[in-house]
Structure formats: C-alpha cells, structure tokens
Protein backbone atom coordinates (compact mmCIF):
# COMPACT_ATOMS: atom_id res chain seq x y z
CA UNK A 1 -9.10 -17.37 6.11
CA UNK A 2 -8.96 -13.90 3.54
CA UNK A 3 -5.61 -12.30 2.85
CA UNK A 4 -4.43 -8.91 4.57
CA UNK A 5 -3.65 -6.35 2.33
CA UNK A 6 -1.98 -4.06 4.85
CA UNK A 7 -1.73 -3.72 8.42
CA UNK A 8 -4.33 -1.34 9.69
CA UNK A 9 -2.14 0.79 12.51
CA UNK A 10 -4.05 2.33 15.36
CA UNK A 11 -7.78 2.85 14.84
CA UNK A 12 -10.05 5.08 15.96
CA UNK A 13 -13.30 5.82 15.48
CA UNK A 14 -15.71 8.39 15.46
CA UNK A 15 -18.37 8.19 18.35
CA UNK A 16 -21.40 8.72 15.52
CA UNK A 17 -19.66 5.94 13.58
CA UNK A 18 -20.14 3.29 16.42
CA UNK A 19 -23.54 4.63 17.35
CA UNK A 20 -23.97 4.16 13.44
CA UNK A 21 -22.74 0.77 13.27
CA UNK A 22 -24.38 -0.57 16.89
CA UNK A 23 -27.39 0.32 15.55
CA UNK A 24 -27.02 -1.84 12.59
CA UNK A 25 -25.36 -4.41 14.85
CA UNK A 26 -22.13 -3.94 12.79
CA UNK A 27 -19.10 -4.39 14.42
CA UNK A 28 -16.17 -1.90 13.51
CA UNK A 29 -14.30 -5.25 13.25
CA UNK A 30 -16.51 -6.95 10.55
CA UNK A 31 -15.65 -3.78 8.54
CA UNK A 32 -12.04 -3.14 9.03
CA UNK A 33 -11.47 -6.70 8.23
CA UNK A 34 -13.24 -6.38 5.25
CA UNK A 35 -11.48 -2.91 4.14
CA UNK A 36 -8.33 -4.55 5.44
CA UNK A 37 -8.68 -7.83 2.58
CA UNK A 38 -9.79 -5.23 -0.19
CA UNK A 39 -13.37 -4.91 0.44
CA UNK A 40 -13.26 -1.23 -0.87
CA UNK A 41 -17.26 -1.51 -0.45
CA UNK A 42 -19.38 1.09 -2.72
CA UNK A 43 -16.95 2.73 -3.67
CA UNK A 44 -16.59 3.47 -7.90
CA UNK A 45 -13.69 1.68 -9.90
CA UNK A 46 -11.34 4.30 -10.29
CA UNK A 47 -11.30 4.70 -6.69
CA UNK A 48 -11.05 1.09 -6.49
CA UNK A 49 -8.18 0.37 -8.86
CA UNK A 50 -6.57 3.57 -6.85
CA UNK A 51 -7.10 1.71 -3.41
CA UNK A 52 -5.01 -1.19 -4.97
CA UNK A 53 -2.63 0.72 -6.03
CA UNK A 54 -1.97 2.17 -3.03
CA UNK A 55 -2.36 -0.93 -0.95
CA UNK A 56 0.89 -2.49 -3.00
CA UNK A 57 2.73 0.69 -2.33
CA UNK A 58 1.85 1.17 0.89
CA UNK A 59 1.74 4.71 0.78
CA UNK A 60 -1.76 7.36 0.63
CA UNK A 61 -4.61 6.49 2.33
CA UNK A 62 -6.72 3.83 1.17
CA UNK A 63 -10.84 4.45 2.04
CA UNK A 64 -13.56 2.03 1.72
CA UNK A 65 -16.43 3.39 1.75
CA UNK A 66 -19.63 1.04 3.27
CA UNK A 67 -23.82 1.34 2.93
CA UNK A 68 -25.15 0.11 6.62
CA UNK A 69 -29.09 -1.65 6.89
CA UNK A 70 -30.64 1.49 7.35
CA UNK A 71 -28.51 3.43 4.42
CA UNK A 72 -26.19 4.95 6.70
CA UNK A 73 -22.95 5.71 5.18
CA UNK A 74 -19.57 4.23 7.27
CA UNK A 75 -16.09 5.66 5.91
CA UNK A 76 -13.03 2.87 7.15
CA UNK A 77 -9.73 5.62 6.37
CA UNK A 78 -6.20 3.95 6.07
CA UNK A 79 -2.96 6.27 6.22
CA UNK A 80 -0.71 3.64 4.62
CA UNK A 81 2.38 6.08 5.12
CA UNK A 82 1.82 6.90 9.08
CA UNK A 83 0.02 3.73 10.27
CA UNK A 84 -3.50 4.85 11.35
CA UNK A 85 -7.15 3.92 10.37
CA UNK A 86 -9.82 5.76 11.34
CA UNK A 87 -13.71 4.51 10.81
CA UNK A 88 -15.73 7.67 10.52
CA UNK A 89 -19.39 9.12 8.72
CA UNK A 90 -19.17 11.30 6.09
CA UNK A 91 -19.48 14.61 7.52
CA UNK A 92 -17.03 13.46 10.11
CA UNK A 93 -14.51 16.13 8.46
CA UNK A 94 -13.52 18.29 11.59
CA UNK A 95 -12.08 15.20 13.36
CA UNK A 96 -10.31 13.33 10.76
CA UNK A 97 -8.47 16.75 11.10
CA UNK A 98 -7.85 15.96 14.81
CA UNK A 99 -6.86 11.96 13.49
CA UNK A 100 -4.23 13.54 11.29
CA UNK A 101 -2.41 16.07 12.99
CA UNK A 102 -2.41 13.58 16.18
CA UNK A 103 -0.54 11.49 13.21
CA UNK A 104 1.68 14.19 11.98
CA UNK A 105 3.89 14.31 15.32
CA UNK A 106 4.91 11.01 16.74
CA UNK A 107 5.68 12.44 20.27
CA UNK A 108 1.81 12.70 20.80
CA UNK A 109 1.15 11.66 24.74
CA UNK A 110 -1.13 8.50 25.18
CA UNK A 111 -4.09 9.51 22.90
CA UNK A 112 -4.58 11.86 20.26
CA UNK A 113 -5.96 15.14 20.50
CA UNK A 114 -10.20 14.45 20.83
CA UNK A 115 -9.94 11.54 22.79
CA UNK A 116 -11.56 10.05 23.97
CA UNK A 117 -14.85 12.69 23.84
CA UNK A 118 -15.38 11.55 20.22
CA UNK A 119 -12.41 9.24 19.02
CA UNK A 120 -12.61 5.73 20.32
CA UNK A 121 -9.54 3.81 20.32
CA UNK A 122 -10.60 0.09 18.61
CA UNK A 123 -7.17 -0.95 19.51
CA UNK A 124 -3.82 -0.18 19.63
CA UNK A 125 -1.12 -0.81 16.88
CA UNK A 126 0.38 -4.14 15.95
CA UNK A 127 -3.13 -5.92 16.85
CA UNK A 128 -4.70 -8.11 14.68
CA UNK A 129 -8.56 -8.28 14.25
CA UNK A 130 -9.43 -11.73 15.01
CA UNK A 131 -5.90 -13.24 14.43
CA UNK A 132 -5.77 -12.72 10.90
CA UNK A 133 -2.35 -11.03 9.53
CA UNK A 134 -0.62 -9.36 7.02
CA UNK A 135 1.59 -11.38 4.55
C-alpha cells in the first residue's frame, strides 16, 4: 500500500476533467491516489521539490500534472491549508477561482458555488479513497 503524504479534504472535479478521464478509462480515484502518494506526474524537478516541501509542511498548494493516453492533461491541485482538492484541466481557471472562493468562507451552504453544474463532488472531507490512510 502506498504511503499517503497528505489528506485531500473535500474533492471536487470539473466536468471537463471527468469527461476526459472517462474517455480515457481512468478513474479520478486513481489519479488522486497517485497525487496523495507523491507521484506528481509530468512536473519539472523544481516543481516536484516545491510539492515535497509543501506536503511536509502542510502549507500551500501541491499540484500534479498527468497526461492521459489521448494526450489530454489533467491537473490535481490540493490546497493543504484549506483541505480541498480540485481535479481539473488546463483552462479551467475561472472555475478554480470559484473553488478557491468556496473554501475561503467556512460557512458555505452544502455545496460550493458552481455545484452541481460545473464542479462535481467526488467525495467529502475525511473520506479516504480505497481505504488509504495518511500516516
């Protein structure tokens, strides 16, 4: 079982990213598991080192960049300070701003803005994928 470096918190995905994953027969949980265990995908060495430092200090954002079999790129971004993860594609920036705003205010209703139209909840906070636990 891989070692988990951090908890993902609430996990959301953009509908475009989910369509790309489905087309390539990849589950969001597969990429999230890789991300949480320190497999950063196609990141340059400098960005990998930044991710490792942030994961150790549990501060800031860690980002993984995965290329799917058809060439599509999927990003997995965890805000370690706010306990939230977003699975998206490059170009989903406007929706990432909605995601960030939702976690800035701890008193949001049941779902962040944009849900369920563009952002899809993968699972709530404290849920560990496939029985994986943080050490």
